[in-house]
């Protein structure tokens, strides 16, 4: 579980549910592909929002636009 994203007990539960859902829907996924799918599902389940200072940082926005 990525500690920089999953910060609460509710988040931990959502992370475990996302892993279970990934195993059900993508039984052949392993390694980085598995992690990416879990992260995608987790963010949808937990209504994840990045930390505000990162989202509003003009330098970070410009780096993403390149």
C-alpha atoms as a PDB file:
ATOM      1  CA  UNK A   1       0.000   0.000   0.000  1.00  0.00           C
ATOM      2  CA  UNK A   2       1.492   3.359  -0.993  1.00  0.00           C
ATOM      3  CA  UNK A   3       1.721   5.457   2.156  1.00  0.00           C
ATOM      4  CA  UNK A   4       1.882   8.679   0.165  1.00  0.00           C
ATOM      5  CA  UNK A   5      -1.661   8.008  -1.153  1.00  0.00           C
ATOM      6  CA  UNK A   6      -3.394   5.803   1.433  1.00  0.00           C
ATOM      7  CA  UNK A   7      -3.493   7.873   4.625  1.00  0.00           C
ATOM      8  CA  UNK A   8      -6.523   6.763   6.640  1.00  0.00           C
ATOM      9  CA  UNK A   9      -8.040   3.520   7.922  1.00  0.00           C
ATOM     10  CA  UNK A  10     -10.859   4.012   5.415  1.00  0.00           C
ATOM     11  CA  UNK A  11      -8.243   4.380   2.694  1.00  0.00           C
ATOM     12  CA  UNK A  12      -6.651   1.099   3.756  1.00  0.00           C
ATOM     13  CA  UNK A  13     -10.007  -0.651   3.422  1.00  0.00           C
ATOM     14  CA  UNK A  14     -10.547   0.880  -0.023  1.00  0.00           C
ATOM     15  CA  UNK A  15      -7.007  -0.206  -1.047  1.00  0.00           C
ATOM     16  CA  UNK A  16      -7.714  -3.811  -0.050  1.00  0.00           C
ATOM     17  CA  UNK A  17     -11.057  -3.733  -1.885  1.00  0.00           C
ATOM     18  CA  UNK A  18      -9.318  -2.347  -4.984  1.00  0.00           C
ATOM     19  CA  UNK A  19      -6.760  -5.177  -4.843  1.00  0.00           C
ATOM     20  CA  UNK A  20      -9.538  -7.757  -4.545  1.00  0.00           C
ATOM     21  CA  UNK A  21     -11.442  -6.221  -7.462  1.00  0.00           C
ATOM     22  CA  UNK A  22      -8.268  -6.226  -9.581  1.00  0.00           C
ATOM     23  CA  UNK A  23      -7.669  -9.899  -8.835  1.00  0.00           C
ATOM     24  CA  UNK A  24     -11.260 -10.676  -9.884  1.00  0.00           C
ATOM     25  CA  UNK A  25     -11.287  -8.659 -13.099  1.00  0.00           C
ATOM     26  CA  UNK A  26      -7.634  -9.045 -14.174  1.00  0.00           C
ATOM     27  CA  UNK A  27      -6.413 -12.436 -12.922  1.00  0.00           C
ATOM     28  CA  UNK A  28      -3.350 -12.370 -15.210  1.00  0.00           C
ATOM     29  CA  UNK A  29      -2.117  -8.922 -14.117  1.00  0.00           C
ATOM     30  CA  UNK A  30       1.192  -8.962 -12.262  1.00  0.00           C
ATOM     31  CA  UNK A  31       3.899  -6.555 -11.221  1.00  0.00           C
ATOM     32  CA  UNK A  32       3.612  -2.956 -12.309  1.00  0.00           C
ATOM     33  CA  UNK A  33       0.470  -3.588 -14.371  1.00  0.00           C
ATOM     34  CA  UNK A  34      -1.283  -4.975 -11.275  1.00  0.00           C
ATOM     35  CA  UNK A  35      -0.177  -1.973  -9.207  1.00  0.00           C
ATOM     36  CA  UNK A  36      -1.368   0.511 -11.841  1.00  0.00           C
ATOM     37  CA  UNK A  37      -4.777  -1.135 -12.083  1.00  0.00           C
ATOM     38  CA  UNK A  38      -5.150  -1.232  -8.283  1.00  0.00           C
ATOM     39  CA  UNK A  39      -4.167   2.439  -8.047  1.00  0.00           C
ATOM     40  CA  UNK A  40      -6.684   3.415 -10.711  1.00  0.00           C
ATOM     41  CA  UNK A  41      -9.508   1.530  -9.007  1.00  0.00           C
ATOM     42  CA  UNK A  42      -8.497   2.857  -5.579  1.00  0.00           C
ATOM     43  CA  UNK A  43      -8.543   6.463  -6.752  1.00  0.00           C
ATOM     44  CA  UNK A  44     -12.045   6.012  -8.126  1.00  0.00           C
ATOM     45  CA  UNK A  45     -13.270   4.273  -4.957  1.00  0.00           C
ATOM     46  CA  UNK A  46     -11.703   6.772  -2.569  1.00  0.00           C
ATOM     47  CA  UNK A  47     -12.445   9.868  -4.677  1.00  0.00           C
ATOM     48  CA  UNK A  48      -8.731  10.610  -4.434  1.00  0.00           C
ATOM     49  CA  UNK A  49      -7.585  14.215  -4.717  1.00  0.00           C
ATOM     50  CA  UNK A  50      -3.866  15.024  -4.876  1.00  0.00           C
ATOM     51  CA  UNK A  51      -2.425  17.188  -2.141  1.00  0.00           C
ATOM     52  CA  UNK A  52      -3.519  20.781  -2.765  1.00  0.00           C
ATOM     53  CA  UNK A  53      -0.031  22.293  -2.608  1.00  0.00           C
ATOM     54  CA  UNK A  54       1.085  20.005  -5.428  1.00  0.00           C
ATOM     55  CA  UNK A  55      -2.030  20.624  -7.531  1.00  0.00           C
ATOM     56  CA  UNK A  56      -1.690  24.412  -7.208  1.00  0.00           C
ATOM     57  CA  UNK A  57       2.083  24.626  -7.612  1.00  0.00           C
ATOM     58  CA  UNK A  58       2.717  26.555 -10.880  1.00  0.00           C
ATOM     59  CA  UNK A  59       6.031  24.762 -11.462  1.00  0.00           C
ATOM     60  CA  UNK A  60       4.395  21.364 -11.072  1.00  0.00           C
ATOM     61  CA  UNK A  61       1.610  22.351 -13.468  1.00  0.00           C
ATOM     62  CA  UNK A  62       4.167  23.484 -16.045  1.00  0.00           C
ATOM     63  CA  UNK A  63       6.116  20.207 -15.714  1.00  0.00           C
ATOM     64  CA  UNK A  64       2.938  18.238 -16.387  1.00  0.00           C
ATOM     65  CA  UNK A  65       2.182  20.344 -19.466  1.00  0.00           C
ATOM     66  CA  UNK A  66       5.519  19.488 -21.156  1.00  0.00           C
END
